[in-house]
Amino acid sequence: MTLFRHGAPVVVGCCGFTRSRGEYYRHFRLVEIQESFYRLPRLETVQRWREQAPAGFQFTMKAWQLITHPPSSPTYRRSGLSIAPGLQDRYGFFRDSEEVRSAWERTAVLARALACRVVLLQCPASFRECPEHVANLRSFCRNLDRGSFLLAWEPRGMWEEQTVRGLCRELGLLHCVDPLVQTPLWGEPLYLRLHGGPGYRHRYTAEELSRLKALVAGRPAYVLFNNLDRFDDARSFTRLLEQEP
């Protein structure tokens, strides 16, 4: 649902459809497509999602893991790909390779079909701050054709705050975090993903949702729940936003 507080839209949804699409569309005006991270859906499939969505519905999309994750990541088990051992160092970590460039191009085709405003670049914990990784990220962001997309970067490895802030400012990235765990360091609209804090099965309390409401007050934000009870928690947060302060 899109709400306005002091002129700033807050859009609430879930990471992935957690009910039938028809039911989901009745409750929310935002979804982050998750399938695209593991294995890209067919163009015809995402075109159908876009056509069936109600007016004003927004899609965001998680970029294909071939861009961000190396083949050693366990998430590749769901990719359906067989990568020869000699080619493993050409995938992931924003490497300057034809494989990574092609993965972005194919991601972008689907994002355009969905009319996405934001594409998420979620990194593994192994993508830590080091000269090689910084150089890879710089080269990738400077050379790709991002069109009208905003890029949200979710670094989950060890990074200094000043490095993250500097790279986001330099490269035009939204710093994506779980806002009840970390502070977003750069960019608007905010792009927030709530993973459950203490654990995936955590159900957000009224106090936690009130803290989240205070954090987004007066700021444009995408708020996406990604815990086990994300559908119900996202609905609870929507109702909380609808209440007068």
Protein backbone atom coordinates (compact mmCIF):
# COMPACT_ATOMS: atom_id res chain seq x y z
CA MET A 1 0.00 0.00 0.00
CA THR A 2 1.23 3.52 -0.75
CA LEU A 3 0.75 6.07 2.00
CA PHE A 4 1.80 9.70 2.26
CA ARG A 5 3.28 11.27 5.33
CA HIS A 6 4.31 14.89 4.83
CA GLY A 7 4.41 14.25 1.08
CA ALA A 8 6.72 11.21 1.31
CA PRO A 9 5.39 7.89 -0.01
CA VAL A 10 5.92 4.72 2.01
CA VAL A 11 5.29 1.55 0.01
CA VAL A 12 4.90 -1.72 1.92
CA GLY A 13 5.10 -5.27 0.63
CA CYS A 14 6.85 -8.62 0.87
CA CYS A 15 9.90 -10.26 -0.60
CA GLY A 16 8.14 -12.69 -2.90
CA PHE A 17 4.47 -13.52 -3.37
CA THR A 18 3.47 -15.26 -0.16
CA ARG A 19 -0.12 -15.97 -1.19
CA SER A 20 -1.80 -16.40 -4.54
CA ARG A 21 -1.12 -13.34 -6.66
CA GLY A 22 -4.81 -12.43 -6.66
CA GLU A 23 -4.92 -12.36 -2.85
CA TYR A 24 -1.59 -10.59 -2.63
CA TYR A 25 -2.71 -7.83 -4.99
CA ARG A 26 -5.74 -7.19 -2.76
CA HIS A 27 -3.55 -6.29 0.19
CA PHE A 28 -0.36 -4.73 -1.17
CA ARG A 29 0.90 -2.42 -3.90
CA LEU A 30 4.51 -3.67 -3.88
CA VAL A 31 6.38 -6.94 -4.25
CA GLU A 32 10.07 -7.79 -4.61
CA ILE A 33 10.56 -10.59 -7.12
CA GLN A 34 12.75 -13.28 -5.58
CA GLU A 35 12.78 -15.99 -8.27
CA SER A 36 15.03 -13.85 -10.42
CA PHE A 37 17.90 -14.29 -7.97
CA TYR A 38 17.98 -18.07 -8.25
CA ARG A 39 16.83 -18.69 -11.78
CA LEU A 40 15.45 -16.10 -14.17
CA PRO A 41 11.77 -16.59 -14.98
CA ARG A 42 10.63 -16.48 -18.59
CA LEU A 43 9.90 -13.11 -20.13
CA GLU A 44 6.33 -14.21 -20.89
CA THR A 45 5.83 -15.01 -17.20
CA VAL A 46 6.86 -11.60 -15.90
CA GLN A 47 4.87 -9.89 -18.64
CA ARG A 48 1.81 -11.76 -17.41
CA TRP A 49 2.51 -10.66 -13.82
CA ARG A 50 2.71 -7.05 -14.96
CA GLU A 51 -0.51 -7.30 -16.99
CA GLN A 52 -2.44 -8.93 -14.14
CA ALA A 53 -1.31 -6.48 -11.47
CA PRO A 54 -3.68 -3.66 -10.55
CA ALA A 55 -3.03 -0.07 -11.58
CA GLY A 56 -0.34 1.53 -9.46
CA PHE A 57 1.19 -1.76 -8.36
CA GLN A 58 4.99 -1.66 -8.11
CA PHE A 59 7.52 -4.41 -8.72
CA THR A 60 11.12 -4.41 -7.58
CA MET A 61 13.47 -7.23 -8.46
CA LYS A 62 16.46 -9.07 -7.03
CA ALA A 63 19.30 -9.31 -9.56
CA TRP A 64 20.45 -12.72 -10.79
CA GLN A 65 22.98 -14.34 -8.50
CA LEU A 66 25.49 -14.77 -11.34
CA ILE A 67 26.25 -11.07 -10.86
CA THR A 68 26.81 -11.08 -7.11
CA HIS A 69 27.51 -14.65 -5.93
CA PRO A 70 30.31 -17.05 -6.92
CA PRO A 71 29.42 -20.60 -8.02
CA SER A 72 30.63 -21.92 -4.63
CA SER A 73 27.52 -20.34 -3.08
CA PRO A 74 24.93 -22.96 -2.04
CA THR A 75 22.27 -20.85 -3.75
CA TYR A 76 23.58 -22.07 -7.12
CA ARG A 77 21.94 -25.44 -6.42
CA ARG A 78 18.66 -23.85 -7.50
CA SER A 79 20.11 -22.20 -10.59
CA GLY A 80 19.83 -25.16 -12.92
CA LEU A 81 23.30 -24.29 -14.26
CA SER A 82 26.34 -26.49 -14.67
CA ILE A 83 29.50 -24.38 -14.61
CA ALA A 84 32.79 -25.93 -15.66
CA PRO A 85 35.50 -25.76 -12.97
CA GLY A 86 37.77 -23.69 -15.19
CA LEU A 87 35.11 -20.99 -15.58
CA GLN A 88 34.10 -20.55 -11.96
CA ASP A 89 36.12 -17.39 -11.46
CA ARG A 90 34.12 -15.62 -14.19
CA TYR A 91 30.91 -15.48 -12.14
CA GLY A 92 29.82 -13.36 -9.20
CA PHE A 93 31.47 -10.60 -7.13
CA PHE A 94 30.70 -8.07 -9.94
CA ARG A 95 33.64 -9.46 -11.94
CA ASP A 96 34.55 -7.81 -15.23
CA SER A 97 33.52 -10.77 -17.40
CA GLU A 98 31.18 -11.49 -20.25
CA GLU A 99 29.24 -13.84 -17.98
CA VAL A 100 28.48 -11.11 -15.43
CA ARG A 101 27.64 -8.56 -18.12
CA SER A 102 25.28 -11.03 -19.81
CA ALA A 103 23.64 -11.82 -16.44
CA TRP A 104 22.94 -8.11 -15.93
CA GLU A 105 21.55 -7.69 -19.45
CA ARG A 106 19.18 -10.61 -18.94
CA THR A 107 18.17 -9.29 -15.51
CA ALA A 108 17.50 -5.85 -16.99
CA VAL A 109 15.22 -7.26 -19.72
CA LEU A 110 12.91 -8.71 -17.08
CA ALA A 111 13.11 -5.63 -14.85
CA ARG A 112 12.05 -3.44 -17.76
CA ALA A 113 9.15 -5.77 -18.54
CA LEU A 114 7.99 -5.40 -14.93
CA ALA A 115 8.50 -1.61 -15.03
CA CYS A 116 10.73 -1.92 -11.97
CA ARG A 117 12.04 1.24 -10.41
CA VAL A 118 14.55 -0.57 -8.17
CA VAL A 119 16.80 -3.58 -8.80
CA LEU A 120 18.44 -5.10 -5.73
CA LEU A 121 22.08 -6.22 -5.71
CA GLN A 122 22.27 -8.50 -2.67
CA CYS A 123 25.79 -9.71 -1.88
CA PRO A 124 26.92 -12.76 0.06
CA ALA A 125 28.77 -12.41 3.37
CA SER A 126 31.93 -13.48 1.53
CA PHE A 127 31.85 -10.24 -0.48
CA ARG A 128 33.87 -8.35 2.14
CA GLU A 129 35.64 -5.05 1.90
CA CYS A 130 38.94 -5.42 0.06
CA PRO A 131 40.60 -3.58 -2.84
CA GLU A 132 39.53 -6.22 -5.38
CA HIS A 133 35.87 -6.14 -4.38
CA VAL A 134 35.77 -2.34 -4.28
CA ALA A 135 37.32 -2.19 -7.75
CA ASN A 136 34.87 -4.78 -9.10
CA LEU A 137 31.86 -2.90 -7.75
CA ARG A 138 33.12 0.40 -9.14
CA SER A 139 33.76 -1.06 -12.58
CA PHE A 140 30.41 -2.83 -12.71
CA CYS A 141 28.35 0.19 -11.69
CA ARG A 142 30.22 2.63 -13.90
CA ASN A 143 30.00 0.51 -17.04
CA LEU A 144 26.55 -1.04 -16.93
CA ASP A 145 23.53 0.40 -18.69
CA ARG A 146 21.18 0.90 -15.77
CA GLY A 147 18.61 2.83 -17.79
CA SER A 148 16.05 4.34 -15.43
CA PHE A 149 16.65 1.79 -12.65
CA LEU A 150 17.71 2.69 -9.16
CA LEU A 151 20.20 0.15 -7.80
CA ALA A 152 19.95 -0.92 -4.17
CA TRP A 153 23.07 -2.54 -2.71
CA GLU A 154 22.77 -4.90 0.26
CA PRO A 155 26.30 -5.69 1.48
CA ARG A 156 26.17 -8.46 4.06
CA GLY A 157 29.91 -8.92 4.56
CA MET A 158 32.25 -6.84 6.73
CA TRP A 159 32.43 -3.27 5.45
CA GLU A 160 33.41 -0.01 7.10
CA GLU A 161 30.51 2.45 7.24
CA GLN A 162 32.53 5.22 5.62
CA THR A 163 33.41 2.92 2.70
CA VAL A 164 29.77 1.96 2.16
CA ARG A 165 28.63 5.57 2.39
CA GLY A 166 31.34 6.73 0.00
CA LEU A 167 30.68 4.04 -2.60
CA CYS A 168 26.91 4.59 -2.50
CA ARG A 169 27.38 8.33 -2.96
CA GLU A 170 29.96 7.86 -5.74
CA LEU A 171 28.08 5.16 -7.65
CA GLY A 172 24.51 6.29 -7.08
CA LEU A 173 23.47 3.30 -4.96
CA LEU A 174 20.79 2.97 -2.31
CA HIS A 175 22.21 1.36 0.83
CA CYS A 176 19.85 -1.52 1.60
CA VAL A 177 19.64 -2.84 5.18
CA ASP A 178 17.37 -4.40 7.73
CA PRO A 179 16.61 -1.12 9.52
CA LEU A 180 16.02 -2.72 12.92
CA VAL A 181 19.55 -4.16 12.73
CA GLN A 182 21.55 -1.51 10.85
CA THR A 183 21.18 2.12 9.87
CA PRO A 184 20.77 2.92 6.16
CA LEU A 185 23.76 5.07 5.28
CA TRP A 186 22.90 6.57 1.92
CA GLY A 187 20.20 7.20 -0.63
CA GLU A 188 16.53 7.90 -1.10
CA PRO A 189 14.08 6.38 -1.42
CA LEU A 190 15.03 4.11 1.44
CA TYR A 191 15.11 0.45 0.44
CA LEU A 192 14.54 -1.61 3.58
CA ARG A 193 14.37 -5.39 3.89
CA LEU A 194 13.28 -6.87 7.22
CA HIS A 195 14.70 -10.37 7.60
CA GLY A 196 13.37 -11.13 11.06
CA GLY A 197 16.12 -9.61 13.19
CA PRO A 198 16.91 -12.42 15.66
CA GLY A 199 15.83 -15.04 13.13
CA TYR A 200 13.70 -15.87 10.11
CA ARG A 201 10.85 -17.16 12.32
CA HIS A 202 10.69 -13.98 14.38
CA ARG A 203 7.30 -12.24 14.44
CA TYR A 204 7.66 -8.48 14.70
CA THR A 205 6.29 -6.94 17.88
CA ALA A 206 4.17 -3.79 18.10
CA GLU A 207 7.16 -1.98 19.61
CA GLU A 208 9.41 -2.98 16.71
CA LEU A 209 6.86 -1.90 14.13
CA SER A 210 6.47 1.42 15.92
CA ARG A 211 10.24 1.92 15.74
CA LEU A 212 10.10 1.16 12.03
CA LYS A 213 7.29 3.68 11.56
CA ALA A 214 9.37 6.36 13.28
CA LEU A 215 12.36 5.55 11.06
CA VAL A 216 10.47 6.06 7.80
CA ALA A 217 8.42 9.04 8.94
CA GLY A 218 8.64 11.82 6.37
CA ARG A 219 10.92 9.86 4.04
CA PRO A 220 10.16 8.02 0.79
CA ALA A 221 10.68 4.32 1.44
CA TYR A 222 10.20 0.83 0.12
CA VAL A 223 9.55 -1.41 3.14
CA LEU A 224 9.76 -5.13 2.36
CA PHE A 225 9.26 -7.91 4.89
CA ASN A 226 11.28 -11.10 4.40
CA ASN A 227 10.65 -13.14 7.56
CA LEU A 228 8.50 -16.25 7.80
CA ASP A 229 5.40 -14.28 8.84
CA ARG A 230 6.07 -11.50 6.34
CA PHE A 231 2.56 -11.37 4.92
CA ASP A 232 0.94 -10.79 8.32
CA ASP A 233 3.69 -8.49 9.57
CA ALA A 234 3.50 -6.37 6.42
CA ARG A 235 -0.28 -6.06 6.90
CA SER A 236 0.21 -5.08 10.54
CA PHE A 237 2.71 -2.42 9.55
CA THR A 238 0.35 -1.09 6.88
CA ARG A 239 -2.42 -0.75 9.47
CA LEU A 240 0.00 1.02 11.82
CA LEU A 241 0.91 3.54 9.12
CA GLU A 242 -2.75 4.25 8.50
CA GLN A 243 -3.24 5.33 12.10
CA GLU A 244 -3.02 9.04 12.84
CA PRO A 245 0.16 10.01 14.72
